[in-house]
């Protein structure tokens, strides 16, 4: 399992594109599989900041990617 640190929309888009390519799926095939337009998939892979989070998460799920959020320990903060 490869772990990628996502710091911005571009790094998330890159991770999605790499996963899709590793699975040998074209944007068109992914579009047909997910119901998300190829234009939207391309925009997400290019790091479009206004992409709908629900669509981004759907692509992650459909490509077998998991998203994990590591929050700092806030017990000491008030």
PDB file of N, CA and C in Angstrom:
ATOM      1  N   UNK A   1       0.846  -1.183   0.000  1.00  0.00           N
ATOM      2  CA  UNK A   1       0.000   0.000   0.000  1.00  0.00           C
ATOM      3  C   UNK A   1       0.884   1.236   0.000  1.00  0.00           C
ATOM      4  N   UNK A   2       0.591   2.141  -0.910  1.00  0.00           N
ATOM      5  CA  UNK A   2       1.319   3.390  -1.004  1.00  0.00           C
ATOM      6  C   UNK A   2       0.558   4.466  -0.247  1.00  0.00           C
ATOM      7  N   UNK A   3       1.276   5.235   0.553  1.00  0.00           N
ATOM      8  CA  UNK A   3       0.661   6.324   1.309  1.00  0.00           C
ATOM      9  C   UNK A   3       1.122   7.640   0.696  1.00  0.00           C
ATOM     10  N   UNK A   4       0.186   8.503   0.381  1.00  0.00           N
ATOM     11  CA  UNK A   4       0.501   9.822  -0.158  1.00  0.00           C
ATOM     12  C   UNK A   4      -0.003  10.880   0.804  1.00  0.00           C
ATOM     13  N   UNK A   5       0.812  11.867   1.046  1.00  0.00           N
ATOM     14  CA  UNK A   5       0.379  12.992   1.864  1.00  0.00           C
ATOM     15  C   UNK A   5      -0.278  14.002   0.932  1.00  0.00           C
ATOM     16  N   UNK A   6      -1.515  14.298   1.212  1.00  0.00           N
ATOM     17  CA  UNK A   6      -2.290  15.239   0.398  1.00  0.00           C
ATOM     18  C   UNK A   6      -2.293  16.581   1.106  1.00  0.00           C
ATOM     19  N   UNK A   7      -1.785  17.593   0.410  1.00  0.00           N
ATOM     20  CA  UNK A   7      -1.694  18.912   1.026  1.00  0.00           C
ATOM     21  C   UNK A   7      -2.510  19.974   0.304  1.00  0.00           C
ATOM     22  N   UNK A   8      -2.999  19.636  -0.891  1.00  0.00           N
ATOM     23  CA  UNK A   8      -3.759  20.602  -1.671  1.00  0.00           C
ATOM     24  C   UNK A   8      -4.526  19.865  -2.768  1.00  0.00           C
ATOM     25  N   UNK A   9      -5.413  20.562  -3.469  1.00  0.00           N
ATOM     26  CA  UNK A   9      -6.200  19.901  -4.517  1.00  0.00           C
ATOM     27  C   UNK A   9      -5.332  19.254  -5.603  1.00  0.00           C
ATOM     28  N   UNK A  10      -4.198  19.869  -5.908  1.00  0.00           N
ATOM     29  CA  UNK A  10      -3.327  19.321  -6.941  1.00  0.00           C
ATOM     30  C   UNK A  10      -2.748  17.968  -6.530  1.00  0.00           C
ATOM     31  N   UNK A  11      -2.311  17.829  -5.293  1.00  0.00           N
ATOM     32  CA  UNK A  11      -1.735  16.551  -4.861  1.00  0.00           C
ATOM     33  C   UNK A  11      -2.813  15.470  -4.771  1.00  0.00           C
ATOM     34  N   UNK A  12      -4.037  15.851  -4.434  1.00  0.00           N
ATOM     35  CA  UNK A  12      -5.133  14.885  -4.428  1.00  0.00           C
ATOM     36  C   UNK A  12      -5.459  14.455  -5.854  1.00  0.00           C
ATOM     37  N   UNK A  13      -5.505  15.402  -6.765  1.00  0.00           N
ATOM     38  CA  UNK A  13      -5.757  15.086  -8.169  1.00  0.00           C
ATOM     39  C   UNK A  13      -4.683  14.169  -8.739  1.00  0.00           C
ATOM     40  N   UNK A  14      -3.442  14.428  -8.372  1.00  0.00           N
ATOM     41  CA  UNK A  14      -2.340  13.579  -8.832  1.00  0.00           C
ATOM     42  C   UNK A  14      -2.491  12.160  -8.307  1.00  0.00           C
ATOM     43  N   UNK A  15      -2.874  12.016  -7.048  1.00  0.00           N
ATOM     44  CA  UNK A  15      -3.065  10.682  -6.465  1.00  0.00           C
ATOM     45  C   UNK A  15      -4.203   9.936  -7.169  1.00  0.00           C
ATOM     46  N   UNK A  16      -5.269  10.641  -7.487  1.00  0.00           N
ATOM     47  CA  UNK A  16      -6.398  10.030  -8.185  1.00  0.00           C
ATOM     48  C   UNK A  16      -5.971   9.602  -9.587  1.00  0.00           C
ATOM     49  N   UNK A  17      -5.260  10.482 -10.296  1.00  0.00           N
ATOM     50  CA  UNK A  17      -4.806  10.154 -11.651  1.00  0.00           C
ATOM     51  C   UNK A  17      -3.858   8.953 -11.641  1.00  0.00           C
ATOM     52  N   UNK A  18      -2.920   8.919 -10.709  1.00  0.00           N
ATOM     53  CA  UNK A  18      -1.981   7.793 -10.622  1.00  0.00           C
ATOM     54  C   UNK A  18      -2.710   6.478 -10.353  1.00  0.00           C
ATOM     55  N   UNK A  19      -3.692   6.523  -9.493  1.00  0.00           N
ATOM     56  CA  UNK A  19      -4.461   5.323  -9.188  1.00  0.00           C
ATOM     57  C   UNK A  19      -5.225   4.846 -10.409  1.00  0.00           C
ATOM     58  N   UNK A  20      -5.858   5.778 -11.103  1.00  0.00           N
ATOM     59  CA  UNK A  20      -6.613   5.419 -12.306  1.00  0.00           C
ATOM     60  C   UNK A  20      -5.701   4.793 -13.353  1.00  0.00           C
ATOM     61  N   UNK A  21      -4.542   5.406 -13.563  1.00  0.00           N
ATOM     62  CA  UNK A  21      -3.606   4.892 -14.557  1.00  0.00           C
ATOM     63  C   UNK A  21      -3.029   3.538 -14.147  1.00  0.00           C
ATOM     64  N   UNK A  22      -2.776   3.357 -12.857  1.00  0.00           N
ATOM     65  CA  UNK A  22      -2.258   2.072 -12.365  1.00  0.00           C
ATOM     66  C   UNK A  22      -3.265   0.955 -12.617  1.00  0.00           C
ATOM     67  N   UNK A  23      -4.541   1.308 -12.573  1.00  0.00           N
ATOM     68  CA  UNK A  23      -5.605   0.342 -12.849  1.00  0.00           C
ATOM     69  C   UNK A  23      -5.878   0.204 -14.348  1.00  0.00           C
ATOM     70  N   UNK A  24      -5.131   0.980 -15.155  1.00  0.00           N
ATOM     71  CA  UNK A  24      -5.285   0.966 -16.614  1.00  0.00           C
ATOM     72  C   UNK A  24      -6.714   1.306 -17.051  1.00  0.00           C
ATOM     73  N   UNK A  25      -7.259   2.340 -16.398  1.00  0.00           N
ATOM     74  CA  UNK A  25      -8.602   2.827 -16.708  1.00  0.00           C
ATOM     75  C   UNK A  25      -8.461   4.206 -17.344  1.00  0.00           C
ATOM     76  N   UNK A  26      -9.132   4.411 -18.462  1.00  0.00           N
ATOM     77  CA  UNK A  26      -9.119   5.731 -19.084  1.00  0.00           C
ATOM     78  C   UNK A  26     -10.113   6.641 -18.366  1.00  0.00           C
ATOM     79  N   UNK A  27      -9.971   7.931 -18.592  1.00  0.00           N
ATOM     80  CA  UNK A  27     -10.947   8.861 -18.031  1.00  0.00           C
ATOM     81  C   UNK A  27     -12.339   8.556 -18.570  1.00  0.00           C
ATOM     82  N   UNK A  28     -12.400   8.191 -19.822  1.00  0.00           N
ATOM     83  CA  UNK A  28     -13.697   7.867 -20.431  1.00  0.00           C
ATOM     84  C   UNK A  28     -14.322   6.644 -19.764  1.00  0.00           C
ATOM     85  N   UNK A  29     -13.524   5.592 -19.548  1.00  0.00           N
ATOM     86  CA  UNK A  29     -14.032   4.385 -18.877  1.00  0.00           C
ATOM     87  C   UNK A  29     -14.483   4.700 -17.457  1.00  0.00           C
ATOM     88  N   UNK A  30     -13.700   5.516 -16.754  1.00  0.00           N
ATOM     89  CA  UNK A  30     -14.057   5.886 -15.387  1.00  0.00           C
ATOM     90  C   UNK A  30     -15.351   6.699 -15.390  1.00  0.00           C
ATOM     91  N   UNK A  31     -15.511   7.539 -16.381  1.00  0.00           N
ATOM     92  CA  UNK A  31     -16.735   8.321 -16.510  1.00  0.00           C
ATOM     93  C   UNK A  31     -17.947   7.409 -16.681  1.00  0.00           C
ATOM     94  N   UNK A  32     -17.817   6.425 -17.554  1.00  0.00           N
ATOM     95  CA  UNK A  32     -18.917   5.487 -17.774  1.00  0.00           C
ATOM     96  C   UNK A  32     -19.211   4.664 -16.525  1.00  0.00           C
ATOM     97  N   UNK A  33     -18.162   4.312 -15.796  1.00  0.00           N
ATOM     98  CA  UNK A  33     -18.309   3.491 -14.587  1.00  0.00           C
ATOM     99  C   UNK A  33     -18.944   4.263 -13.439  1.00  0.00           C
ATOM    100  N   UNK A  34     -18.605   5.539 -13.316  1.00  0.00           N
ATOM    101  CA  UNK A  34     -19.039   6.313 -12.154  1.00  0.00           C
ATOM    102  C   UNK A  34     -20.227   7.229 -12.413  1.00  0.00           C
ATOM    103  N   UNK A  35     -20.464   7.558 -13.679  1.00  0.00           N
ATOM    104  CA  UNK A  35     -21.502   8.526 -13.990  1.00  0.00           C
ATOM    105  C   UNK A  35     -21.034   9.963 -13.828  1.00  0.00           C
ATOM    106  N   UNK A  36     -19.748  10.157 -13.574  1.00  0.00           N
ATOM    107  CA  UNK A  36     -19.168  11.496 -13.457  1.00  0.00           C
ATOM    108  C   UNK A  36     -18.594  11.850 -14.834  1.00  0.00           C
ATOM    109  N   UNK A  37     -18.886  13.045 -15.307  1.00  0.00           N
ATOM    110  CA  UNK A  37     -18.441  13.417 -16.653  1.00  0.00           C
ATOM    111  C   UNK A  37     -16.916  13.388 -16.767  1.00  0.00           C
ATOM    112  N   UNK A  38     -16.453  13.112 -17.982  1.00  0.00           N
ATOM    113  CA  UNK A  38     -15.007  13.088 -18.232  1.00  0.00           C
ATOM    114  C   UNK A  38     -14.404  14.470 -17.958  1.00  0.00           C
ATOM    115  N   UNK A  39     -15.144  15.512 -18.286  1.00  0.00           N
ATOM    116  CA  UNK A  39     -14.682  16.878 -18.037  1.00  0.00           C
ATOM    117  C   UNK A  39     -14.445  17.098 -16.547  1.00  0.00           C
ATOM    118  N   UNK A  40     -15.354  16.610 -15.717  1.00  0.00           N
ATOM    119  CA  UNK A  40     -15.216  16.758 -14.262  1.00  0.00           C
ATOM    120  C   UNK A  40     -14.058  15.929 -13.755  1.00  0.00           C
ATOM    121  N   UNK A  41     -13.905  14.704 -14.249  1.00  0.00           N
ATOM    122  CA  UNK A  41     -12.779  13.852 -13.836  1.00  0.00           C
ATOM    123  C   UNK A  41     -11.459  14.536 -14.180  1.00  0.00           C
ATOM    124  N   UNK A  42     -11.377  15.072 -15.398  1.00  0.00           N
ATOM    125  CA  UNK A  42     -10.162  15.773 -15.815  1.00  0.00           C
ATOM    126  C   UNK A  42      -9.878  16.957 -14.887  1.00  0.00           C
ATOM    127  N   UNK A  43     -10.904  17.720 -14.561  1.00  0.00           N
ATOM    128  CA  UNK A  43     -10.730  18.883 -13.683  1.00  0.00           C
ATOM    129  C   UNK A  43     -10.258  18.452 -12.295  1.00  0.00           C
ATOM    130  N   UNK A  44     -10.821  17.386 -11.768  1.00  0.00           N
ATOM    131  CA  UNK A  44     -10.407  16.885 -10.445  1.00  0.00           C
ATOM    132  C   UNK A  44      -8.956  16.442 -10.495  1.00  0.00           C
ATOM    133  N   UNK A  45      -8.585  15.700 -11.540  1.00  0.00           N
ATOM    134  CA  UNK A  45      -7.199  15.229 -11.666  1.00  0.00           C
ATOM    135  C   UNK A  45      -6.220  16.387 -11.830  1.00  0.00           C
ATOM    136  N   UNK A  46      -6.695  17.500 -12.358  1.00  0.00           N
ATOM    137  CA  UNK A  46      -5.840  18.683 -12.522  1.00  0.00           C
ATOM    138  C   UNK A  46      -5.827  19.569 -11.278  1.00  0.00           C
ATOM    139  N   UNK A  47      -6.568  19.157 -10.244  1.00  0.00           N
ATOM    140  CA  UNK A  47      -6.546  19.889  -8.980  1.00  0.00           C
ATOM    141  C   UNK A  47      -7.475  21.075  -8.907  1.00  0.00           C
ATOM    142  N   UNK A  48      -8.564  21.037  -9.639  1.00  0.00           N
ATOM    143  CA  UNK A  48      -9.521  22.144  -9.591  1.00  0.00           C
ATOM    144  C   UNK A  48     -10.025  22.328  -8.163  1.00  0.00           C
ATOM    145  N   UNK A  49      -9.846  23.513  -7.648  1.00  0.00           N
ATOM    146  CA  UNK A  49     -10.173  23.781  -6.245  1.00  0.00           C
ATOM    147  C   UNK A  49     -11.663  23.816  -5.966  1.00  0.00           C
ATOM    148  N   UNK A  50     -12.486  24.008  -6.975  1.00  0.00           N
ATOM    149  CA  UNK A  50     -13.922  24.106  -6.745  1.00  0.00           C
ATOM    150  C   UNK A  50     -14.647  22.788  -7.008  1.00  0.00           C
ATOM    151  N   UNK A  51     -13.910  21.704  -7.171  1.00  0.00           N
ATOM    152  CA  UNK A  51     -14.542  20.399  -7.393  1.00  0.00           C
ATOM    153  C   UNK A  51     -15.389  20.023  -6.176  1.00  0.00           C
ATOM    154  N   UNK A  52     -16.541  19.442  -6.432  1.00  0.00           N
ATOM    155  CA  UNK A  52     -17.429  19.029  -5.343  1.00  0.00           C
ATOM    156  C   UNK A  52     -16.796  17.871  -4.576  1.00  0.00           C
ATOM    157  N   UNK A  53     -16.708  18.017  -3.280  1.00  0.00           N
ATOM    158  CA  UNK A  53     -16.054  17.009  -2.446  1.00  0.00           C
ATOM    159  C   UNK A  53     -16.730  15.646  -2.567  1.00  0.00           C
ATOM    160  N   UNK A  54     -18.043  15.627  -2.737  1.00  0.00           N
ATOM    161  CA  UNK A  54     -18.754  14.365  -2.884  1.00  0.00           C
ATOM    162  C   UNK A  54     -18.301  13.604  -4.121  1.00  0.00           C
ATOM    163  N   UNK A  55     -18.075  14.321  -5.221  1.00  0.00           N
ATOM    164  CA  UNK A  55     -17.606  13.678  -6.446  1.00  0.00           C
ATOM    165  C   UNK A  55     -16.168  13.190  -6.288  1.00  0.00           C
ATOM    166  N   UNK A  56     -15.350  13.986  -5.625  1.00  0.00           N
ATOM    167  CA  UNK A  56     -13.957  13.587  -5.379  1.00  0.00           C
ATOM    168  C   UNK A  56     -13.923  12.315  -4.535  1.00  0.00           C
ATOM    169  N   UNK A  57     -14.724  12.270  -3.488  1.00  0.00           N
ATOM    170  CA  UNK A  57     -14.762  11.084  -2.624  1.00  0.00           C
ATOM    171  C   UNK A  57     -15.323   9.879  -3.359  1.00  0.00           C
ATOM    172  N   UNK A  58     -16.295  10.104  -4.250  1.00  0.00           N
ATOM    173  CA  UNK A  58     -16.829   9.002  -5.043  1.00  0.00           C
ATOM    174  C   UNK A  58     -15.742   8.413  -5.945  1.00  0.00           C
ATOM    175  N   UNK A  59     -14.957   9.280  -6.589  1.00  0.00           N
ATOM    176  CA  UNK A  59     -13.858   8.784  -7.422  1.00  0.00           C
ATOM    177  C   UNK A  59     -12.861   7.991  -6.586  1.00  0.00           C
ATOM    178  N   UNK A  60     -12.548   8.498  -5.407  1.00  0.00           N
ATOM    179  CA  UNK A  60     -11.624   7.784  -4.518  1.00  0.00           C
ATOM    180  C   UNK A  60     -12.170   6.397  -4.197  1.00  0.00           C
ATOM    181  N   UNK A  61     -13.421   6.319  -3.810  1.00  0.00           N
ATOM    182  CA  UNK A  61     -14.041   5.024  -3.492  1.00  0.00           C
ATOM    183  C   UNK A  61     -13.995   4.085  -4.691  1.00  0.00           C
ATOM    184  N   UNK A  62     -14.397   4.599  -5.848  1.00  0.00           N
ATOM    185  CA  UNK A  62     -14.468   3.752  -7.040  1.00  0.00           C
ATOM    186  C   UNK A  62     -13.095   3.278  -7.505  1.00  0.00           C
ATOM    187  N   UNK A  63     -12.049   4.022  -7.162  1.00  0.00           N
ATOM    188  CA  UNK A  63     -10.692   3.616  -7.524  1.00  0.00           C
ATOM    189  C   UNK A  63     -10.017   2.816  -6.409  1.00  0.00           C
ATOM    190  N   UNK A  64     -10.731   2.599  -5.307  1.00  0.00           N
ATOM    191  CA  UNK A  64     -10.176   1.828  -4.206  1.00  0.00           C
ATOM    192  C   UNK A  64      -9.263   2.622  -3.290  1.00  0.00           C
ATOM    193  N   UNK A  65      -9.335   3.946  -3.376  1.00  0.00           N
ATOM    194  CA  UNK A  65      -8.520   4.801  -2.515  1.00  0.00           C
ATOM    195  C   UNK A  65      -9.251   5.052  -1.198  1.00  0.00           C
ATOM    196  N   UNK A  66      -8.518   5.135  -0.132  1.00  0.00           N
ATOM    197  CA  UNK A  66      -9.111   5.520   1.143  1.00  0.00           C
ATOM    198  C   UNK A  66      -8.560   6.889   1.528  1.00  0.00           C
ATOM    199  N   UNK A  67      -9.381   7.646   2.214  1.00  0.00           N
ATOM    200  CA  UNK A  67      -8.987   8.978   2.665  1.00  0.00           C
ATOM    201  C   UNK A  67      -8.933   8.943   4.181  1.00  0.00           C
ATOM    202  N   UNK A  68      -7.816   9.376   4.719  1.00  0.00           N
ATOM    203  CA  UNK A  68      -7.641   9.383   6.171  1.00  0.00           C
ATOM    204  C   UNK A  68      -7.231  10.783   6.602  1.00  0.00           C
ATOM    205  N   UNK A  69      -7.840  11.255   7.655  1.00  0.00           N
ATOM    206  CA  UNK A  69      -7.506  12.584   8.187  1.00  0.00           C
ATOM    207  C   UNK A  69      -6.806  12.376   9.525  1.00  0.00           C
ATOM    208  N   UNK A  70      -5.609  12.934   9.622  1.00  0.00           N
ATOM    209  CA  UNK A  70      -4.863  12.877  10.871  1.00  0.00           C
ATOM    210  C   UNK A  70      -4.962  14.231  11.557  1.00  0.00           C
ATOM    211  N   UNK A  71      -5.736  14.290  12.597  1.00  0.00           N
ATOM    212  CA  UNK A  71      -5.931  15.547  13.323  1.00  0.00           C
ATOM    213  C   UNK A  71      -4.922  15.642  14.468  1.00  0.00           C
ATOM    214  N   UNK A  72      -4.431  16.828  14.746  1.00  0.00           N
ATOM    215  CA  UNK A  72      -3.522  16.997  15.878  1.00  0.00           C
ATOM    216  C   UNK A  72      -4.272  16.745  17.180  1.00  0.00           C
ATOM    217  N   UNK A  73      -3.534  16.349  18.186  1.00  0.00           N
ATOM    218  CA  UNK A  73      -4.135  16.122  19.494  1.00  0.00           C
ATOM    219  C   UNK A  73      -4.575  17.477  20.059  1.00  0.00           C
ATOM    220  N   UNK A  74      -5.880  17.641  20.240  1.00  0.00           N
ATOM    221  CA  UNK A  74      -6.400  18.923  20.716  1.00  0.00           C
ATOM    222  C   UNK A  74      -6.783  18.882  22.185  1.00  0.00           C
ATOM    223  N   UNK A  75      -6.459  17.800  22.865  1.00  0.00           N
ATOM    224  CA  UNK A  75      -6.827  17.679  24.286  1.00  0.00           C
ATOM    225  C   UNK A  75      -6.183  18.772  25.122  1.00  0.00           C
ATOM    226  N   UNK A  76      -4.988  19.235  24.727  1.00  0.00           N
ATOM    227  CA  UNK A  76      -4.288  20.249  25.490  1.00  0.00           C
ATOM    228  C   UNK A  76      -4.750  21.677  25.154  1.00  0.00           C
ATOM    229  N   UNK A  77      -5.512  21.817  24.084  1.00  0.00           N
ATOM    230  CA  UNK A  77      -5.920  23.148  23.636  1.00  0.00           C
ATOM    231  C   UNK A  77      -7.328  23.454  24.108  1.00  0.00           C
ATOM    232  N   UNK A  78      -7.550  24.693  24.426  1.00  0.00           N
ATOM    233  CA  UNK A  78      -8.877  25.133  24.841  1.00  0.00           C
ATOM    234  C   UNK A  78      -9.315  26.290  24.014  1.00  0.00           C
TER     235      UNK A  78
END
